[in-house]
Amino acid sequence: MKKVEITERVVGKVNGDGFELFLNKDRIGEISLRNNKKEYLLQSGFVAEGNRIYKVEEAGEPVTQFVHDCDLGWC
């Protein structure tokens, strides 16, 4: 798994006693500010560490060749 920091791209909108969090207009979670305590409630695939928000991505298979199916004669 790979973590990509997205903190600078996340937008927060005030909602009651906290903020809704959006990435590219997609809601990714919220920050609750109840009882003077901050709590992150994030969608699956996102994590908060300290004051940073990360998107967790599956590590893909390493690229072993540039083109595929060259044996079909189109390369």
C-alpha atoms as a PDB file:
ATOM      1  CA  MET A   1       0.000   0.000   0.000  1.00  0.00           C
ATOM      2  CA  LYS A   2       1.075   3.533  -0.720  1.00  0.00           C
ATOM      3  CA  LYS A   3      -0.014   6.724   1.075  1.00  0.00           C
ATOM      4  CA  VAL A   4      -0.334   9.917  -0.951  1.00  0.00           C
ATOM      5  CA  GLU A   5      -0.671  13.177   0.964  1.00  0.00           C
ATOM      6  CA  ILE A   6      -3.714  15.147  -0.205  1.00  0.00           C
ATOM      7  CA  THR A   7      -4.003  17.700   2.619  1.00  0.00           C
ATOM      8  CA  GLU A   8      -3.530  20.740   0.377  1.00  0.00           C
ATOM      9  CA  ARG A   9      -6.225  19.522  -2.055  1.00  0.00           C
ATOM     10  CA  VAL A  10      -8.906  18.870   0.588  1.00  0.00           C
ATOM     11  CA  VAL A  11     -11.645  21.487   0.983  1.00  0.00           C
ATOM     12  CA  GLY A  12     -13.657  21.834   4.194  1.00  0.00           C
ATOM     13  CA  LYS A  13     -17.220  23.163   4.466  1.00  0.00           C
ATOM     14  CA  VAL A  14     -18.722  24.129   7.815  1.00  0.00           C
ATOM     15  CA  ASN A  15     -21.484  21.761   8.860  1.00  0.00           C
ATOM     16  CA  GLY A  16     -23.005  22.066  12.347  1.00  0.00           C
ATOM     17  CA  ASP A  17     -20.296  21.312  14.884  1.00  0.00           C
ATOM     18  CA  GLY A  18     -17.589  20.398  12.397  1.00  0.00           C
ATOM     19  CA  PHE A  19     -16.528  20.352   8.767  1.00  0.00           C
ATOM     20  CA  GLU A  20     -17.363  18.151   5.798  1.00  0.00           C
ATOM     21  CA  LEU A  21     -14.241  17.262   3.800  1.00  0.00           C
ATOM     22  CA  PHE A  22     -14.155  17.120   0.001  1.00  0.00           C
ATOM     23  CA  LEU A  23     -11.569  16.084  -2.562  1.00  0.00           C
ATOM     24  CA  ASN A  24     -12.414  17.151  -6.129  1.00  0.00           C
ATOM     25  CA  LYS A  25     -16.079  17.664  -5.146  1.00  0.00           C
ATOM     26  CA  ASP A  26     -16.268  14.117  -3.715  1.00  0.00           C
ATOM     27  CA  ARG A  27     -17.094  13.893  -0.014  1.00  0.00           C
ATOM     28  CA  ILE A  28     -14.308  11.985   1.756  1.00  0.00           C
ATOM     29  CA  GLY A  29     -15.349  12.478   5.374  1.00  0.00           C
ATOM     30  CA  GLU A  30     -15.726  14.989   8.148  1.00  0.00           C
ATOM     31  CA  ILE A  31     -14.030  16.530  11.152  1.00  0.00           C
ATOM     32  CA  SER A  32     -16.145  16.608  14.298  1.00  0.00           C
ATOM     33  CA  LEU A  33     -15.384  19.291  16.883  1.00  0.00           C
ATOM     34  CA  ARG A  34     -17.509  18.130  19.823  1.00  0.00           C
ATOM     35  CA  ASN A  35     -16.548  18.780  23.459  1.00  0.00           C
ATOM     36  CA  ASN A  36     -13.361  20.609  22.389  1.00  0.00           C
ATOM     37  CA  LYS A  37     -12.111  17.382  20.800  1.00  0.00           C
ATOM     38  CA  LYS A  38     -11.207  16.972  17.127  1.00  0.00           C
ATOM     39  CA  GLU A  39     -12.178  13.657  15.519  1.00  0.00           C
ATOM     40  CA  TYR A  40     -11.655  12.632  11.895  1.00  0.00           C
ATOM     41  CA  LEU A  41     -14.342  10.413  10.348  1.00  0.00           C
ATOM     42  CA  LEU A  42     -13.027   9.457   6.911  1.00  0.00           C
ATOM     43  CA  GLN A  43     -14.286   7.239   4.099  1.00  0.00           C
ATOM     44  CA  SER A  44     -12.530   3.979   3.368  1.00  0.00           C
ATOM     45  CA  GLY A  45      -9.267   4.625   1.526  1.00  0.00           C
ATOM     46  CA  PHE A  46      -8.390   7.793   3.473  1.00  0.00           C
ATOM     47  CA  VAL A  47      -6.460   8.225   6.736  1.00  0.00           C
ATOM     48  CA  ALA A  48      -5.538  11.150   8.961  1.00  0.00           C
ATOM     49  CA  GLU A  49      -2.218  11.320  10.776  1.00  0.00           C
ATOM     50  CA  GLY A  50      -1.509  14.397  12.843  1.00  0.00           C
ATOM     51  CA  ASN A  51      -2.804  17.336  10.837  1.00  0.00           C
ATOM     52  CA  ARG A  52      -2.347  15.604   7.475  1.00  0.00           C
ATOM     53  CA  ILE A  53      -4.804  13.640   5.330  1.00  0.00           C
ATOM     54  CA  TYR A  54      -3.654  10.800   3.072  1.00  0.00           C
ATOM     55  CA  LYS A  55      -5.251   8.748   0.337  1.00  0.00           C
ATOM     56  CA  VAL A  56      -4.274   5.093   0.637  1.00  0.00           C
ATOM     57  CA  GLU A  57      -3.652   3.415  -2.718  1.00  0.00           C
ATOM     58  CA  GLU A  58      -2.915  -0.179  -3.531  1.00  0.00           C
ATOM     59  CA  ALA A  59       0.610  -0.616  -4.818  1.00  0.00           C
ATOM     60  CA  GLY A  60       0.361  -1.696  -8.424  1.00  0.00           C
ATOM     61  CA  GLU A  61       2.471  -4.351 -10.049  1.00  0.00           C
ATOM     62  CA  PRO A  62       5.809  -3.067 -11.294  1.00  0.00           C
ATOM     63  CA  VAL A  63       5.962  -2.368 -15.025  1.00  0.00           C
ATOM     64  CA  THR A  64       8.009  -5.080 -16.698  1.00  0.00           C
ATOM     65  CA  GLN A  65       7.379  -4.184 -20.331  1.00  0.00           C
ATOM     66  CA  PHE A  66       6.321  -1.069 -22.184  1.00  0.00           C
ATOM     67  CA  VAL A  67       3.840  -2.640 -24.630  1.00  0.00           C
ATOM     68  CA  HIS A  68       1.636  -5.687 -24.348  1.00  0.00           C
ATOM     69  CA  ASP A  69       0.629  -8.307 -26.901  1.00  0.00           C
ATOM     70  CA  CYS A  70       3.405  -7.570 -29.390  1.00  0.00           C
ATOM     71  CA  ASP A  71       3.116 -11.164 -30.498  1.00  0.00           C
ATOM     72  CA  LEU A  72      -0.120 -10.151 -32.252  1.00  0.00           C
ATOM     73  CA  GLY A  73       1.948  -8.173 -34.791  1.00  0.00           C
ATOM     74  CA  TRP A  74       0.638  -4.644 -34.203  1.00  0.00           C
ATOM     75  CA  CYS A  75       3.779  -3.197 -32.559  1.00  0.00           C
END
